[in-house]
C-alpha cells in the first residue's frame, strides 16, 4: 500500500469537521509542497520539514522534494484536535 493510500480520510466518509477543514484549504491543490504546508499550518520551514520527515504528516518523496496530499494535512489536524 502506498503512503498516500494510507491516509484514513481517503477511505472514510468525511464528517462535518473534515468538510470544514477541506473548505478552509480549498485554495490549495490536492497535493501540496512543504512551502504550502508552512502556510497552511502557520509554521516555519524547520517545523514543516520535521513533521514530514518524522512521518507525522504522510508524504511521498519525489526527487529532492516532498509531495503531501492535502487530505493527510487535514488528517493531521483532526488528530490534534
Protein backbone atom coordinates (compact mmCIF):
# COMPACT_ATOMS: atom_id res chain seq x y z
CA UNK A 1 0.00 0.00 0.00
CA UNK A 2 1.38 3.41 -0.86
CA UNK A 3 1.82 6.14 1.72
CA UNK A 4 -0.90 8.22 0.08
CA UNK A 5 -3.48 5.44 0.24
CA UNK A 6 -2.72 5.11 3.95
CA UNK A 7 -4.48 8.40 4.74
CA UNK A 8 -7.63 7.29 6.52
CA UNK A 9 -9.69 10.19 5.18
CA UNK A 10 -9.41 8.73 1.69
CA UNK A 11 -11.15 5.59 2.89
CA UNK A 12 -13.79 7.11 5.19
CA UNK A 13 -16.86 9.24 4.70
CA UNK A 14 -15.99 12.83 5.66
CA UNK A 15 -17.75 14.27 8.70
CA UNK A 16 -18.65 17.92 9.24
CA UNK A 17 -15.33 18.73 10.89
CA UNK A 18 -13.39 17.24 7.96
CA UNK A 19 -15.52 19.14 5.47
CA UNK A 20 -14.78 22.40 7.31
CA UNK A 21 -11.03 21.78 7.11
CA UNK A 22 -11.35 20.96 3.40
CA UNK A 23 -13.21 24.24 2.84
CA UNK A 24 -10.52 26.10 4.78
CA UNK A 25 -7.86 24.73 2.41
CA UNK A 26 -9.93 24.95 -0.80
CA UNK A 27 -7.42 27.35 -2.41
CA UNK A 28 -4.64 24.79 -2.14
CA UNK A 29 -4.04 21.98 -4.67
CA UNK A 30 -4.82 18.37 -3.75
CA UNK A 31 -1.10 17.66 -3.44
CA UNK A 32 0.91 20.35 -1.68
CA UNK A 33 4.57 21.13 -1.14
CA UNK A 34 6.40 21.86 2.10
CA UNK A 35 6.09 25.56 1.32
CA UNK A 36 2.30 25.19 1.08
CA UNK A 37 2.35 23.19 4.32
CA UNK A 38 4.11 26.06 6.07
CA UNK A 39 1.36 28.46 5.06
CA UNK A 40 -1.44 26.01 5.83
CA UNK A 41 -0.23 25.39 9.38
CA UNK A 42 1.39 28.75 10.05
CA UNK A 43 4.73 27.17 10.95
CA UNK A 44 8.29 27.75 9.88
CA UNK A 45 10.32 25.74 7.40
CA UNK A 46 12.14 23.71 10.07
CA UNK A 47 8.91 22.55 11.75
CA UNK A 48 7.26 21.75 8.39
CA UNK A 49 10.17 19.54 7.34
CA UNK A 50 10.28 17.92 10.78
CA UNK A 51 6.57 16.97 10.55
CA UNK A 52 7.13 15.39 7.14
CA UNK A 53 10.44 13.66 7.94
CA UNK A 54 9.08 12.15 11.17
CA UNK A 55 6.03 10.93 9.22
CA UNK A 56 3.62 12.87 11.43
CA UNK A 57 2.17 14.12 8.16
CA UNK A 58 2.28 11.44 5.48
CA UNK A 59 4.08 12.35 2.29
CA UNK A 60 5.90 10.94 -0.70
CA UNK A 61 9.41 11.97 -1.62
CA UNK A 62 9.83 12.74 -5.31
CA UNK A 63 13.43 13.50 -6.14
CA UNK A 64 14.54 16.11 -3.63
CA UNK A 65 11.07 17.38 -2.75
CA UNK A 66 8.15 16.11 -0.72
CA UNK A 67 4.61 15.81 -2.09
CA UNK A 68 1.94 15.91 0.58
CA UNK A 69 -1.70 15.01 -0.05
CA UNK A 70 -3.93 17.76 1.31
CA UNK A 71 -6.06 15.06 2.94
CA UNK A 72 -3.08 13.98 5.03
CA UNK A 73 -2.66 17.54 6.31
CA UNK A 74 -6.34 17.59 7.28
CA UNK A 75 -5.95 14.18 8.93
CA UNK A 76 -3.03 15.50 10.98
CA UNK A 77 -5.08 18.47 12.15
CA UNK A 78 -8.06 16.29 13.06
CA UNK A 79 -5.82 14.00 15.13
CA UNK A 80 -4.50 17.03 17.01
CA UNK A 81 -7.92 18.40 17.99
